Structure formats: C-alpha cells, structure tokens
Amino acid sequence: MFSRFHQYVPALILASMMVGCGDDSKNAPDNPTPSPQNPCGDGLLSDGEVCDGVLGVPASCSDIDPQKQWQTGGKPACNSTCTGITMGSCVEIHQTQPECGDGQKNGDEVCDGVLGVPATCAEFDSSRQWKDGGKPVCASNCMAVEIGSCIENTAKCGNRVREDGEVCDGMDGVPLTCSEFDDSIQWEEGGMPACSSNCDVVWQGSCVEFIPKPGPVCGDGKITGDEVCEGDMGVIPNCKVLGKNIEWKPGGLPACADDCKSIAAGTCEPIGVPYDITIMNWNVLFEWTEWGGREVLPRAQKLHDIVEKYPV
C-alpha cells in the first residue's frame, strides 16, 4: 500500500506546484515586495511557498516534462505568488507530420518533388545504358525514387550494326576517309576515322593531321632550298653576271632578287650602243630586252625597229 502511494507522490507534488498558474497568478505583480505578511520574493522557501526566485524551480524545461521536446535556451520559472511553477521561457517544439508534395524532404521521406531525385538516368542506375532525354522521378508517396521516363538502351555496342541510340558501331556510321570526317583539316595519307568503344561518337581514329615542313625563308641569311642568294651571299659583285655582251656603267652592283631565287640588276646600268646595224645582232637585242635597266626598253625597241627595217 505504501509503495503504490509512493509512486504517485511526484505527480501530486507537481500538480500542486502548477495550481498557482491560475488567474490570481496572472494578476499578481511580477516582482512582489516581500513582507512579513507576504514573504514571496525573499529568495527563501517559507510556509505555503512552492518556490521563491530560482529556489524550488526545475533546472530545465525537460525537468517539467521529459516526454516533450523543447526549444533550446528556455527555463521554467516561479510564479509571482511563489505558489507554483510556470513554463517561464520554455517553448515546446511541435513536430509536424511530413507532407508528401510540399517540396520538402521531411521525416522518413526519400524524396519530394525534385528534391532527392538524381538528375540523370545514369545517376539513378549506372549499371545500365539509357536512351537520351529520360529522367527519374519521386514516387507519389515520396518514399522511393522511380524510373520515371528513363528508357533502357538495349542496343549492343560492338556487333557492328548501328542500332537505336548508337552513333556508330564498327564501321557502320563511320566516314570512309579522314577528309569526310573533317574536311577543314589536311590529313596525311593512310588514316581512317573510327567509332568509340561505347558507340556514342565517331573520332579521328588513325587520321593524322598533315603539318608541312617549313621551306626556305628568304631573308633569314641562309641559302636553302631553291634559293640562289641571300642578301650579299651568292651575289657576284660584277654586273657582267647579268650579261657578258653588254657594256655596263662603272660603279654598279647586282643584287639578290626579292624572292632570293635570282640575281637582279641592282644598281647595274648598261651603256648605250650606237645604232650601227653592223654591230647589232639578235643576241644583243635579246640581252638588252632581258637584262635592261631604265634605258634598255626604249633602246631595245629602237633596235628592234632597225633590225626589222634592215635585216641582216
């Protein structure tokens, strides 16, 4: 009998402590002035007081009701008449039931809307190949991710037959030449494009871009390739190299042509020849026409006219 009564003592005490939370405690002053008639507020437990200040007040909100969840930072308090314990700054956390479709993954939900759903079919199941364009979805009860619009690609890469979802397979779907693969590039001979190992792209395969070797560069100071001169290199300082049967003014020098592939007249100038038909011949006319300077062409024309008039 005694043991049963002992079980209910804490509950009876707590009930008696909470009695003071009625209307009379709300109308009482927050900070009562202690007096011999009303000792509440002196920080001492007097007759008839359940608490006074922090004395007799539970240390935490959980001490009031350990079955509830409380926000952090709150504390219970003694009421203004010291006759009961109030909730003070304790605020209960009210658990809301998860609602599927609210876009928030709550409780034991696996997903909700797009939250918790893989972005691609490959992320949903990387062990399978999928056709383009599909997406997984969240189940209607938010408890699982489902296949959605993902469609498995059943094509078998490697059977040399281009099937649905494949760009190529073996040589099926592969251009026959490197130029067909990319005609903007010059390729070396003998190469062929190829299909990738998973049949999703055509790549250059054994095609190798042709990169021409650098040829001779006129002006680099080196006689290379089909060059005959470079600056003064390869140039004989004598105008006779331009024509042995022509008499040249003294002081002139031949020069290397702009393309380094021939000798130009430079400062060489021929000396005029009397229009005596006895010393004129086609060889002189040819040389004057071929190698003449500023005065050569007019003189060559006159020679031509003379020869036409007086044939040898």
C-alpha atoms as a PDB file:
ATOM      1  CA  MET A   1       0.000   0.000   0.000  1.00  0.00           C
ATOM      2  CA  PHE A   2       2.765   2.363   0.903  1.00  0.00           C
ATOM      3  CA  SER A   3       4.712   1.585  -2.295  1.00  0.00           C
ATOM      4  CA  ARG A   4       1.717   2.442  -4.516  1.00  0.00           C
ATOM      5  CA  PHE A   5       1.205   5.740  -2.765  1.00  0.00           C
ATOM      6  CA  HIS A   6       4.896   6.458  -3.139  1.00  0.00           C
ATOM      7  CA  GLN A   7       4.592   6.104  -6.954  1.00  0.00           C
ATOM      8  CA  TYR A   8       2.099   8.984  -7.176  1.00  0.00           C
ATOM      9  CA  VAL A   9       3.889  11.420  -4.843  1.00  0.00           C
ATOM     10  CA  PRO A  10       5.934  13.224  -7.607  1.00  0.00           C
ATOM     11  CA  ALA A  11       2.861  13.727  -9.763  1.00  0.00           C
ATOM     12  CA  LEU A  12       0.851  15.070  -6.796  1.00  0.00           C
ATOM     13  CA  ILE A  13       3.647  17.467  -5.884  1.00  0.00           C
ATOM     14  CA  LEU A  14       3.950  18.746  -9.497  1.00  0.00           C
ATOM     15  CA  ALA A  15       0.180  19.207  -9.720  1.00  0.00           C
ATOM     16  CA  SER A  16       0.170  21.218  -6.520  1.00  0.00           C
ATOM     17  CA  MET A  17       3.046  23.302  -7.869  1.00  0.00           C
ATOM     18  CA  MET A  18       1.159  24.135 -11.104  1.00  0.00           C
ATOM     19  CA  VAL A  19      -2.010  25.226  -9.265  1.00  0.00           C
ATOM     20  CA  GLY A  20      -0.614  28.679  -8.836  1.00  0.00           C
ATOM     21  CA  CYS A  21      -0.691  29.236 -12.598  1.00  0.00           C
ATOM     22  CA  GLY A  22      -4.359  30.362 -12.469  1.00  0.00           C
ATOM     23  CA  ASP A  23      -5.849  33.778 -12.885  1.00  0.00           C
ATOM     24  CA  ASP A  24      -4.671  35.006  -9.465  1.00  0.00           C
ATOM     25  CA  SER A  25      -1.032  34.477 -10.533  1.00  0.00           C
ATOM     26  CA  LYS A  26      -1.588  36.462 -13.737  1.00  0.00           C
ATOM     27  CA  ASN A  27      -2.982  39.438 -11.781  1.00  0.00           C
ATOM     28  CA  ALA A  28      -0.194  39.342  -9.201  1.00  0.00           C
ATOM     29  CA  PRO A  29       2.774  41.706  -9.609  1.00  0.00           C
ATOM     30  CA  ASP A  30       5.809  40.288 -11.450  1.00  0.00           C
ATOM     31  CA  ASN A  31       8.196  41.341  -8.692  1.00  0.00           C
ATOM     32  CA  PRO A  32       6.281  41.169  -5.409  1.00  0.00           C
ATOM     33  CA  THR A  33       7.690  43.035  -2.480  1.00  0.00           C
ATOM     34  CA  PRO A  34       8.363  40.608   0.370  1.00  0.00           C
ATOM     35  CA  SER A  35       6.799  41.443   3.735  1.00  0.00           C
ATOM     36  CA  PRO A  36       6.040  39.551   6.929  1.00  0.00           C
ATOM     37  CA  GLN A  37       2.558  39.009   5.595  1.00  0.00           C
ATOM     38  CA  ASN A  38       3.839  38.095   2.018  1.00  0.00           C
ATOM     39  CA  PRO A  39       7.372  36.662   2.141  1.00  0.00           C
ATOM     40  CA  CYS A  40       7.289  35.757  -1.626  1.00  0.00           C
ATOM     41  CA  GLY A  41      10.328  37.180  -3.391  1.00  0.00           C
ATOM     42  CA  ASP A  42      12.787  36.980  -0.495  1.00  0.00           C
ATOM     43  CA  GLY A  43      14.546  34.005  -2.119  1.00  0.00           C
ATOM     44  CA  LEU A  44      13.627  31.717   0.783  1.00  0.00           C
ATOM     45  CA  LEU A  45      11.056  28.977   0.862  1.00  0.00           C
ATOM     46  CA  SER A  46       8.518  29.949   3.528  1.00  0.00           C
ATOM     47  CA  ASP A  47       5.425  28.181   4.693  1.00  0.00           C
ATOM     48  CA  GLY A  48       2.939  27.848   1.878  1.00  0.00           C
ATOM     49  CA  GLU A  49       5.516  28.614  -0.854  1.00  0.00           C
ATOM     50  CA  VAL A  50       6.331  26.118  -3.575  1.00  0.00           C
ATOM     51  CA  CYS A  51       9.181  28.194  -4.924  1.00  0.00           C
ATOM     52  CA  ASP A  52      10.829  31.554  -4.464  1.00  0.00           C
ATOM     53  CA  GLY A  53      13.105  33.067  -7.164  1.00  0.00           C
ATOM     54  CA  VAL A  54      15.096  30.137  -8.545  1.00  0.00           C
ATOM     55  CA  LEU A  55      14.662  28.153  -5.361  1.00  0.00           C
ATOM     56  CA  GLY A  56      12.405  25.181  -5.958  1.00  0.00           C
ATOM     57  CA  VAL A  57      12.327  25.770  -9.730  1.00  0.00           C
ATOM     58  CA  PRO A  58      13.384  22.844 -12.032  1.00  0.00           C
ATOM     59  CA  ALA A  59      16.717  23.487 -13.742  1.00  0.00           C
ATOM     60  CA  SER A  60      15.498  22.803 -17.270  1.00  0.00           C
ATOM     61  CA  CYS A  61      12.353  22.557 -19.367  1.00  0.00           C
ATOM     62  CA  SER A  62      12.891  18.802 -19.691  1.00  0.00           C
ATOM     63  CA  ASP A  63      12.566  18.509 -15.900  1.00  0.00           C
ATOM     64  CA  ILE A  64       8.977  19.716 -16.236  1.00  0.00           C
ATOM     65  CA  ASP A  65       8.093  17.155 -18.924  1.00  0.00           C
ATOM     66  CA  PRO A  66      10.802  14.888 -20.313  1.00  0.00           C
ATOM     67  CA  GLN A  67       8.325  13.446 -22.856  1.00  0.00           C
ATOM     68  CA  LYS A  68       8.203  16.687 -24.823  1.00  0.00           C
ATOM     69  CA  GLN A  69      10.809  18.398 -26.961  1.00  0.00           C
ATOM     70  CA  TRP A  70      11.693  21.947 -26.050  1.00  0.00           C
ATOM     71  CA  GLN A  71      13.431  24.760 -27.843  1.00  0.00           C
ATOM     72  CA  THR A  72      16.912  25.479 -26.530  1.00  0.00           C
ATOM     73  CA  GLY A  73      17.540  28.388 -24.170  1.00  0.00           C
ATOM     74  CA  GLY A  74      14.239  28.268 -22.257  1.00  0.00           C
ATOM     75  CA  LYS A  75      13.845  27.859 -18.499  1.00  0.00           C
ATOM     76  CA  PRO A  76      10.875  27.300 -16.179  1.00  0.00           C
ATOM     77  CA  ALA A  77      10.106  29.943 -13.549  1.00  0.00           C
ATOM     78  CA  CYS A  78       8.370  30.531 -10.230  1.00  0.00           C
ATOM     79  CA  ASN A  79       5.042  32.340 -10.452  1.00  0.00           C
ATOM     80  CA  SER A  80       4.532  35.756  -8.930  1.00  0.00           C
ATOM     81  CA  THR A  81       2.919  34.402  -5.757  1.00  0.00           C
ATOM     82  CA  CYS A  82       5.501  31.677  -5.173  1.00  0.00           C
ATOM     83  CA  THR A  83       2.731  29.138  -5.210  1.00  0.00           C
ATOM     84  CA  GLY A  84       3.543  27.286  -8.423  1.00  0.00           C
ATOM     85  CA  ILE A  85       5.956  26.650 -11.290  1.00  0.00           C
ATOM     86  CA  THR A  86       5.219  28.262 -14.654  1.00  0.00           C
ATOM     87  CA  MET A  87       6.545  27.417 -18.097  1.00  0.00           C
ATOM     88  CA  GLY A  88       8.664  30.552 -17.966  1.00  0.00           C
ATOM     89  CA  SER A  89      10.536  30.834 -21.283  1.00  0.00           C
ATOM     90  CA  CYS A  90      10.067  27.165 -22.173  1.00  0.00           C
ATOM     91  CA  VAL A  91       8.648  26.735 -25.692  1.00  0.00           C
ATOM     92  CA  GLU A  92       7.611  23.325 -26.905  1.00  0.00           C
ATOM     93  CA  ILE A  93       8.712  22.113 -30.345  1.00  0.00           C
ATOM     94  CA  HIS A  94       5.633  20.892 -32.145  1.00  0.00           C
ATOM     95  CA  GLN A  95       6.564  18.131 -34.609  1.00  0.00           C
ATOM     96  CA  THR A  96       4.741  18.453 -37.924  1.00  0.00           C
ATOM     97  CA  GLN A  97       3.881  15.362 -39.897  1.00  0.00           C
ATOM     98  CA  PRO A  98       5.766  15.144 -43.210  1.00  0.00           C
ATOM     99  CA  GLU A  99       3.528  16.071 -46.123  1.00  0.00           C
ATOM    100  CA  CYS A 100       4.430  14.478 -49.457  1.00  0.00           C
ATOM    101  CA  GLY A 101       4.340  17.016 -52.261  1.00  0.00           C
ATOM    102  CA  ASP A 102       5.342  20.101 -50.287  1.00  0.00           C
ATOM    103  CA  GLY A 103       8.781  20.134 -51.902  1.00  0.00           C
ATOM    104  CA  GLN A 104      10.497  19.496 -48.572  1.00  0.00           C
ATOM    105  CA  LYS A 105      12.107  16.186 -47.672  1.00  0.00           C
ATOM    106  CA  ASN A 106      10.793  15.601 -44.147  1.00  0.00           C
ATOM    107  CA  GLY A 107      10.814  12.695 -41.759  1.00  0.00           C
ATOM    108  CA  ASP A 108      11.400   9.372 -43.476  1.00  0.00           C
ATOM    109  CA  GLU A 109      10.718  10.748 -46.973  1.00  0.00           C
ATOM    110  CA  VAL A 110      13.278   9.646 -49.564  1.00  0.00           C
ATOM    111  CA  CYS A 111      12.386  12.463 -51.943  1.00  0.00           C
ATOM    112  CA  ASP A 112       9.811  15.191 -52.523  1.00  0.00           C
ATOM    113  CA  GLY A 113       9.320  16.809 -55.928  1.00  0.00           C
ATOM    114  CA  VAL A 114      12.816  17.077 -57.426  1.00  0.00           C
ATOM    115  CA  LEU A 115      14.468  17.088 -54.016  1.00  0.00           C
ATOM    116  CA  GLY A 116      16.381  13.861 -53.504  1.00  0.00           C
ATOM    117  CA  VAL A 117      15.871  12.749 -57.128  1.00  0.00           C
ATOM    118  CA  PRO A 118      19.002  12.015 -59.268  1.00  0.00           C
ATOM    119  CA  ALA A 119      19.428  14.446 -62.160  1.00  0.00           C
ATOM    120  CA  THR A 120      20.037  11.776 -64.799  1.00  0.00           C
ATOM    121  CA  CYS A 121      19.090   8.177 -65.553  1.00  0.00           C
ATOM    122  CA  ALA A 122      22.759   7.213 -65.282  1.00  0.00           C
ATOM    123  CA  GLU A 123      22.815   8.530 -61.708  1.00  0.00           C
ATOM    124  CA  PHE A 124      19.635   6.570 -60.997  1.00  0.00           C
ATOM    125  CA  ASP A 125      21.298   3.321 -62.173  1.00  0.00           C
ATOM    126  CA  SER A 126      24.833   3.467 -63.575  1.00  0.00           C
ATOM    127  CA  SER A 127      24.858  -0.271 -64.322  1.00  0.00           C
ATOM    128  CA  ARG A 128      22.556   0.175 -67.316  1.00  0.00           C
ATOM    129  CA  GLN A 129      22.694   2.190 -70.540  1.00  0.00           C
ATOM    130  CA  TRP A 130      19.863   4.650 -71.065  1.00  0.00           C
ATOM    131  CA  LYS A 131      18.398   6.452 -74.055  1.00  0.00           C
ATOM    132  CA  ASP A 132      18.733  10.227 -74.100  1.00  0.00           C
ATOM    133  CA  GLY A 133      16.057  12.522 -72.700  1.00  0.00           C
ATOM    134  CA  GLY A 134      14.701  10.495 -69.794  1.00  0.00           C
ATOM    135  CA  LYS A 135      14.631  11.462 -66.110  1.00  0.00           C
ATOM    136  CA  PRO A 136      13.860   9.580 -62.879  1.00  0.00           C
ATOM    137  CA  VAL A 137      11.039  10.850 -60.624  1.00  0.00           C
ATOM    138  CA  CYS A 138       9.959  10.773 -56.994  1.00  0.00           C
ATOM    139  CA  ALA A 139       7.272   8.226 -56.119  1.00  0.00           C
ATOM    140  CA  SER A 140       3.776   9.505 -55.318  1.00  0.00           C
ATOM    141  CA  ASN A 141       4.262   8.727 -51.623  1.00  0.00           C
ATOM    142  CA  CYS A 142       7.732  10.275 -51.501  1.00  0.00           C
ATOM    143  CA  MET A 143       9.154   7.041 -50.166  1.00  0.00           C
ATOM    144  CA  ALA A 144      11.224   5.996 -53.217  1.00  0.00           C
ATOM    145  CA  VAL A 145      12.803   7.213 -56.455  1.00  0.00           C
ATOM    146  CA  GLU A 146      11.226   5.603 -59.515  1.00  0.00           C
ATOM    147  CA  ILE A 147      12.446   5.078 -63.088  1.00  0.00           C
ATOM    148  CA  GLY A 148      10.216   7.846 -64.458  1.00  0.00           C
ATOM    149  CA  SER A 149      10.779   8.494 -68.173  1.00  0.00           C
ATOM    150  CA  CYS A 150      14.124   6.667 -68.250  1.00  0.00           C
ATOM    151  CA  ILE A 151      14.190   4.077 -71.048  1.00  0.00           C
ATOM    152  CA  GLU A 152      16.933   1.497 -71.097  1.00  0.00           C
ATOM    153  CA  ASN A 153      19.015   1.319 -74.261  1.00  0.00           C
ATOM    154  CA  THR A 154      19.106  -2.325 -75.282  1.00  0.00           C
ATOM    155  CA  ALA A 155      21.407  -1.774 -78.275  1.00  0.00           C
ATOM    156  CA  LYS A 156      24.520  -3.937 -78.105  1.00  0.00           C
ATOM    157  CA  CYS A 157      27.642  -1.933 -78.905  1.00  0.00           C
ATOM    158  CA  GLY A 158      30.223  -3.996 -80.737  1.00  0.00           C
ATOM    159  CA  ASN A 159      28.018  -6.083 -83.032  1.00  0.00           C
ATOM    160  CA  ARG A 160      28.987  -3.819 -85.980  1.00  0.00           C
ATOM    161  CA  VAL A 161      25.348  -2.855 -86.547  1.00  0.00           C
ATOM    162  CA  ARG A 162      24.263   0.679 -85.671  1.00  0.00           C
ATOM    163  CA  GLU A 163      21.129   0.314 -83.569  1.00  0.00           C
ATOM    164  CA  ASP A 164      18.782   2.752 -81.884  1.00  0.00           C
ATOM    165  CA  GLY A 165      20.708   5.084 -79.608  1.00  0.00           C
ATOM    166  CA  GLU A 166      24.102   4.372 -81.226  1.00  0.00           C
ATOM    167  CA  VAL A 167      26.013   6.917 -83.298  1.00  0.00           C
ATOM    168  CA  CYS A 168      28.135   4.198 -84.857  1.00  0.00           C
ATOM    169  CA  ASP A 169      29.120   0.562 -84.415  1.00  0.00           C
ATOM    170  CA  GLY A 170      32.264  -0.850 -86.007  1.00  0.00           C
ATOM    171  CA  MET A 171      32.431   0.899 -89.382  1.00  0.00           C
ATOM    172  CA  ASP A 172      28.663   1.354 -89.558  1.00  0.00           C
ATOM    173  CA  GLY A 173      28.092   5.110 -89.345  1.00  0.00           C
ATOM    174  CA  VAL A 174      31.811   5.942 -89.689  1.00  0.00           C
ATOM    175  CA  PRO A 175      33.034   8.119 -92.618  1.00  0.00           C
ATOM    176  CA  LEU A 176      35.267   6.273 -95.094  1.00  0.00           C
ATOM    177  CA  THR A 177      38.032   8.897 -95.201  1.00  0.00           C
ATOM    178  CA  CYS A 178      39.666  11.395 -92.895  1.00  0.00           C
ATOM    179  CA  SER A 179      38.522  14.215 -95.197  1.00  0.00           C
ATOM    180  CA  GLU A 180      34.901  13.113 -94.745  1.00  0.00           C
ATOM    181  CA  PHE A 181      35.466  13.109 -91.006  1.00  0.00           C
ATOM    182  CA  ASP A 182      36.706  16.733 -91.095  1.00  0.00           C
ATOM    183  CA  ASP A 183      37.329  18.466 -94.421  1.00  0.00           C
ATOM    184  CA  SER A 184      38.665  21.593 -92.699  1.00  0.00           C
ATOM    185  CA  ILE A 185      41.912  19.767 -91.869  1.00  0.00           C
ATOM    186  CA  GLN A 186      44.599  18.468 -94.224  1.00  0.00           C
ATOM    187  CA  TRP A 187      45.352  14.848 -93.336  1.00  0.00           C
ATOM    188  CA  GLU A 188      48.258  12.535 -94.029  1.00  0.00           C
ATOM    189  CA  GLU A 189      47.501   9.582 -96.284  1.00  0.00           C
ATOM    190  CA  GLY A 190      46.542   6.162 -94.951  1.00  0.00           C
ATOM    191  CA  GLY A 191      44.481   7.068 -91.873  1.00  0.00           C
ATOM    192  CA  MET A 192      40.851   6.241 -91.139  1.00  0.00           C
ATOM    193  CA  PRO A 193      38.312   7.571 -88.612  1.00  0.00           C
ATOM    194  CA  ALA A 194      36.831   5.125 -86.093  1.00  0.00           C
ATOM    195  CA  CYS A 195      33.878   4.508 -83.748  1.00  0.00           C
ATOM    196  CA  SER A 196      34.342   4.930 -79.992  1.00  0.00           C
ATOM    197  CA  SER A 197      34.319   1.929 -77.672  1.00  0.00           C
ATOM    198  CA  ASN A 198      30.785   2.668 -76.418  1.00  0.00           C
ATOM    199  CA  CYS A 199      29.403   3.519 -79.879  1.00  0.00           C
ATOM    200  CA  ASP A 200      28.426   7.059 -78.928  1.00  0.00           C
ATOM    201  CA  VAL A 201      30.825   9.141 -81.054  1.00  0.00           C
ATOM    202  CA  VAL A 202      32.975   8.999 -84.193  1.00  0.00           C
ATOM    203  CA  TRP A 203      36.565  10.071 -83.550  1.00  0.00           C
ATOM    204  CA  GLN A 204      39.604  10.619 -85.756  1.00  0.00           C
ATOM    205  CA  GLY A 205      40.973   7.107 -85.233  1.00  0.00           C
ATOM    206  CA  SER A 206      44.248   6.740 -87.158  1.00  0.00           C
ATOM    207  CA  CYS A 207      43.821  10.049 -89.006  1.00  0.00           C
ATOM    208  CA  VAL A 208      46.904  12.227 -88.511  1.00  0.00           C
ATOM    209  CA  GLU A 209      46.900  15.886 -89.424  1.00  0.00           C
ATOM    210  CA  PHE A 210      49.408  16.815 -92.124  1.00  0.00           C
ATOM    211  CA  ILE A 211      51.801  19.505 -90.956  1.00  0.00           C
ATOM    212  CA  PRO A 212      54.073  20.676 -93.813  1.00  0.00           C
ATOM    213  CA  LYS A 213      57.745  21.074 -93.051  1.00  0.00           C
ATOM    214  CA  PRO A 214      58.946  24.663 -93.173  1.00  0.00           C
ATOM    215  CA  GLY A 215      60.565  25.568 -96.532  1.00  0.00           C
ATOM    216  CA  PRO A 216      63.306  28.109 -97.272  1.00  0.00           C
ATOM    217  CA  VAL A 217      62.658  31.556 -95.886  1.00  0.00           C
ATOM    218  CA  CYS A 218      64.015  34.412 -97.954  1.00  0.00           C
ATOM    219  CA  GLY A 219      65.735  36.924 -95.720  1.00  0.00           C
ATOM    220  CA  ASP A 220      66.873  34.546 -92.970  1.00  0.00           C
ATOM    221  CA  GLY A 221      70.527  34.876 -94.049  1.00  0.00           C
ATOM    222  CA  LYS A 222      70.768  31.240 -95.207  1.00  0.00           C
ATOM    223  CA  ILE A 223      70.725  29.938 -98.776  1.00  0.00           C
ATOM    224  CA  THR A 224      68.363  26.950 -98.601  1.00  0.00           C
ATOM    225  CA  GLY A 225      66.113  25.037-100.947  1.00  0.00           C
ATOM    226  CA  ASP A 226      65.806  26.656-104.370  1.00  0.00           C
ATOM    227  CA  GLU A 227      67.305  29.969-103.238  1.00  0.00           C
ATOM    228  CA  VAL A 228      70.334  31.236-105.223  1.00  0.00           C
ATOM    229  CA  CYS A 229      71.198  34.114-102.938  1.00  0.00           C
ATOM    230  CA  GLU A 230      70.550  35.730 -99.558  1.00  0.00           C
ATOM    231  CA  GLY A 231      71.439  39.392 -99.160  1.00  0.00           C
ATOM    232  CA  ASP A 232      75.033  39.642-100.454  1.00  0.00           C
ATOM    233  CA  MET A 233      75.510  35.886-100.171  1.00  0.00           C
ATOM    234  CA  GLY A 234      75.551  34.233-103.617  1.00  0.00           C
ATOM    235  CA  VAL A 235      75.806  37.580-105.444  1.00  0.00           C
ATOM    236  CA  ILE A 236      78.994  38.149-107.539  1.00  0.00           C
ATOM    237  CA  PRO A 237      79.870  41.861-107.280  1.00  0.00           C
ATOM    238  CA  ASN A 238      80.188  42.331-111.042  1.00  0.00           C
ATOM    239  CA  CYS A 239      77.498  43.469-113.466  1.00  0.00           C
ATOM    240  CA  LYS A 240      78.968  41.086-116.105  1.00  0.00           C
ATOM    241  CA  VAL A 241      76.966  38.285-114.435  1.00  0.00           C
ATOM    242  CA  LEU A 242      73.894  39.959-115.912  1.00  0.00           C
ATOM    243  CA  GLY A 243      75.240  39.839-119.485  1.00  0.00           C
ATOM    244  CA  LYS A 244      78.758  39.442-120.801  1.00  0.00           C
ATOM    245  CA  ASN A 245      77.977  41.063-124.193  1.00  0.00           C
ATOM    246  CA  ILE A 246      76.653  44.229-122.564  1.00  0.00           C
ATOM    247  CA  GLU A 247      78.838  47.117-121.530  1.00  0.00           C
ATOM    248  CA  TRP A 248      77.888  48.358-118.079  1.00  0.00           C
ATOM    249  CA  LYS A 249      78.423  51.719-116.443  1.00  0.00           C
ATOM    250  CA  PRO A 250      81.131  51.534-113.773  1.00  0.00           C
ATOM    251  CA  GLY A 251      80.223  51.500-110.083  1.00  0.00           C
ATOM    252  CA  GLY A 252      77.073  49.404-110.353  1.00  0.00           C
ATOM    253  CA  LEU A 253      76.471  46.191-108.470  1.00  0.00           C
ATOM    254  CA  PRO A 254      73.942  43.412-108.985  1.00  0.00           C
ATOM    255  CA  ALA A 255      71.685  42.399-106.086  1.00  0.00           C
ATOM    256  CA  CYS A 256      69.706  39.420-104.800  1.00  0.00           C
ATOM    257  CA  ALA A 257      66.097  39.398-106.013  1.00  0.00           C
ATOM    258  CA  ASP A 258      63.275  39.875-103.501  1.00  0.00           C
ATOM    259  CA  ASP A 259      62.413  36.177-103.583  1.00  0.00           C
ATOM    260  CA  CYS A 260      66.078  35.083-103.274  1.00  0.00           C
ATOM    261  CA  LYS A 261      65.657  32.902-106.380  1.00  0.00           C
ATOM    262  CA  SER A 262      67.530  35.036-108.947  1.00  0.00           C
ATOM    263  CA  ILE A 263      70.074  37.850-109.354  1.00  0.00           C
ATOM    264  CA  ALA A 264      68.535  41.255-110.057  1.00  0.00           C
ATOM    265  CA  ALA A 265      70.116  44.235-111.828  1.00  0.00           C
ATOM    266  CA  GLY A 266      70.551  46.158-108.618  1.00  0.00           C
ATOM    267  CA  THR A 267      72.474  49.362-109.471  1.00  0.00           C
ATOM    268  CA  CYS A 268      73.899  47.978-112.745  1.00  0.00           C
ATOM    269  CA  GLU A 269      73.131  50.174-115.800  1.00  0.00           C
ATOM    270  CA  PRO A 270      74.090  49.361-119.397  1.00  0.00           C
ATOM    271  CA  ILE A 271      75.931  51.889-121.550  1.00  0.00           C
ATOM    272  CA  GLY A 272      74.171  52.966-124.733  1.00  0.00           C
ATOM    273  CA  VAL A 273      75.373  51.418-128.049  1.00  0.00           C
ATOM    274  CA  PRO A 274      75.467  53.362-131.404  1.00  0.00           C
ATOM    275  CA  TYR A 275      72.670  52.350-133.767  1.00  0.00           C
ATOM    276  CA  ASP A 276      75.104  50.839-136.256  1.00  0.00           C
ATOM    277  CA  ILE A 277      73.454  47.898-137.933  1.00  0.00           C
ATOM    278  CA  THR A 278      76.848  46.282-138.472  1.00  0.00           C
ATOM    279  CA  ILE A 279      77.344  45.698-134.766  1.00  0.00           C
ATOM    280  CA  MET A 280      73.740  44.880-133.926  1.00  0.00           C
ATOM    281  CA  ASN A 281      72.632  41.302-133.676  1.00  0.00           C
ATOM    282  CA  TRP A 282      69.763  39.410-132.160  1.00  0.00           C
ATOM    283  CA  ASN A 283      71.829  38.306-129.216  1.00  0.00           C
ATOM    284  CA  VAL A 284      72.436  41.900-128.123  1.00  0.00           C
ATOM    285  CA  LEU A 285      68.782  42.733-128.657  1.00  0.00           C
ATOM    286  CA  PHE A 286      67.758  39.739-126.532  1.00  0.00           C
ATOM    287  CA  GLU A 287      70.197  40.600-123.737  1.00  0.00           C
ATOM    288  CA  TRP A 288      69.103  44.213-123.680  1.00  0.00           C
ATOM    289  CA  THR A 289      65.485  43.186-123.516  1.00  0.00           C
ATOM    290  CA  GLU A 290      66.147  40.592-120.845  1.00  0.00           C
ATOM    291  CA  TRP A 291      68.549  42.489-118.599  1.00  0.00           C
ATOM    292  CA  GLY A 292      67.980  46.145-119.415  1.00  0.00           C
ATOM    293  CA  GLY A 293      67.708  48.923-116.846  1.00  0.00           C
ATOM    294  CA  ARG A 294      65.869  52.187-117.149  1.00  0.00           C
ATOM    295  CA  GLU A 295      67.136  52.955-120.672  1.00  0.00           C
ATOM    296  CA  VAL A 296      67.029  49.429-122.010  1.00  0.00           C
ATOM    297  CA  LEU A 297      63.434  49.032-123.132  1.00  0.00           C
ATOM    298  CA  PRO A 298      63.272  52.220-125.246  1.00  0.00           C
ATOM    299  CA  ARG A 299      66.647  51.373-126.816  1.00  0.00           C
ATOM    300  CA  ALA A 300      65.653  47.763-127.385  1.00  0.00           C
ATOM    301  CA  GLN A 301      62.534  48.913-129.183  1.00  0.00           C
ATOM    302  CA  LYS A 302      64.640  51.105-131.481  1.00  0.00           C
ATOM    303  CA  LEU A 303      66.999  48.228-132.147  1.00  0.00           C
ATOM    304  CA  HIS A 304      64.036  46.049-132.982  1.00  0.00           C
ATOM    305  CA  ASP A 305      62.750  48.655-135.435  1.00  0.00           C
ATOM    306  CA  ILE A 306      66.183  48.937-137.100  1.00  0.00           C
ATOM    307  CA  VAL A 307      66.559  45.194-137.464  1.00  0.00           C
ATOM    308  CA  GLU A 308      63.097  44.957-138.920  1.00  0.00           C
ATOM    309  CA  LYS A 309      63.996  47.676-141.454  1.00  0.00           C
ATOM    310  CA  TYR A 310      67.450  46.401-142.292  1.00  0.00           C
ATOM    311  CA  PRO A 311      67.501  42.649-141.911  1.00  0.00           C
ATOM    312  CA  VAL A 312      70.944  41.067-141.745  1.00  0.00           C
END
